[in-house]
Amino acid sequence: MTRGAAVSRATDHVDSGRLQSELAHLVGYRSESQNPIAGTCRRTIWPRPSCRA
């Protein structure tokens, strides 16, 4: 793929709204950093607590 073709493809991806849609989908996933129980589990070394809610 040439540089020009890659730039064109990327531009089309942004201009069509597909990039925004994909990012919104990915950002919508909850992660362990959003889990308050997991945060306390990482700080405790021993005894290992149950991290299940």
Protein backbone atom coordinates (compact mmCIF):
# COMPACT_ATOMS: atom_id res chain seq x y z
CA MET A 1 0.00 0.00 0.00
CA THR A 2 1.39 3.39 -0.90
CA ARG A 3 1.60 6.27 1.55
CA GLY A 4 -1.05 8.17 -0.38
CA ALA A 5 -3.41 5.19 -0.31
CA ALA A 6 -2.89 4.74 3.42
CA VAL A 7 -3.57 8.42 4.10
CA SER A 8 -6.67 8.29 1.93
CA ARG A 9 -7.93 5.20 3.69
CA ALA A 10 -7.33 6.74 7.13
CA THR A 11 -9.03 9.96 6.09
CA ASP A 12 -12.07 8.06 4.84
CA HIS A 13 -12.18 6.11 8.12
CA VAL A 14 -12.28 9.35 10.14
CA ASP A 15 -14.61 11.26 7.82
CA SER A 16 -17.16 8.44 7.63
CA GLY A 17 -17.54 8.34 11.43
CA ARG A 18 -16.33 4.73 11.69
CA LEU A 19 -13.36 5.70 13.85
CA GLN A 20 -15.61 7.57 16.31
CA SER A 21 -17.97 4.60 16.45
CA GLU A 22 -15.16 2.11 17.07
CA LEU A 23 -13.63 4.28 19.79
CA ALA A 24 -16.99 4.72 21.52
CA HIS A 25 -17.44 0.94 21.48
CA LEU A 26 -13.98 0.31 22.97
CA VAL A 27 -14.27 2.99 25.64
CA GLY A 28 -17.57 1.48 26.72
CA TYR A 29 -15.87 -1.67 28.06
CA ARG A 30 -15.58 -1.71 31.83
CA SER A 31 -12.11 -2.54 33.09
CA GLU A 32 -10.63 -3.68 36.39
CA SER A 33 -9.46 -0.14 37.10
CA GLN A 34 -13.15 0.83 37.36
CA ASN A 35 -13.83 -1.93 39.88
CA PRO A 36 -13.52 -0.56 43.46
CA ILE A 37 -13.23 -4.08 44.89
CA ALA A 38 -10.31 -4.96 42.61
CA GLY A 39 -8.51 -1.80 43.77
CA THR A 40 -8.57 -2.97 47.40
CA CYS A 41 -7.44 -6.44 46.39
CA ARG A 42 -4.33 -5.07 44.69
CA ARG A 43 -3.34 -3.11 47.79
CA THR A 44 -3.63 -6.11 50.12
CA ILE A 45 -0.74 -8.55 49.90
CA TRP A 46 -1.53 -11.16 52.57
CA PRO A 47 -3.87 -12.82 53.23
CA ARG A 48 -5.07 -12.75 49.68
CA PRO A 49 -8.67 -11.49 49.72
CA SER A 50 -11.44 -12.69 47.49
CA CYS A 51 -11.76 -10.20 44.66
CA ARG A 52 -15.19 -11.43 43.61
CA ALA A 53 -18.12 -9.15 44.35
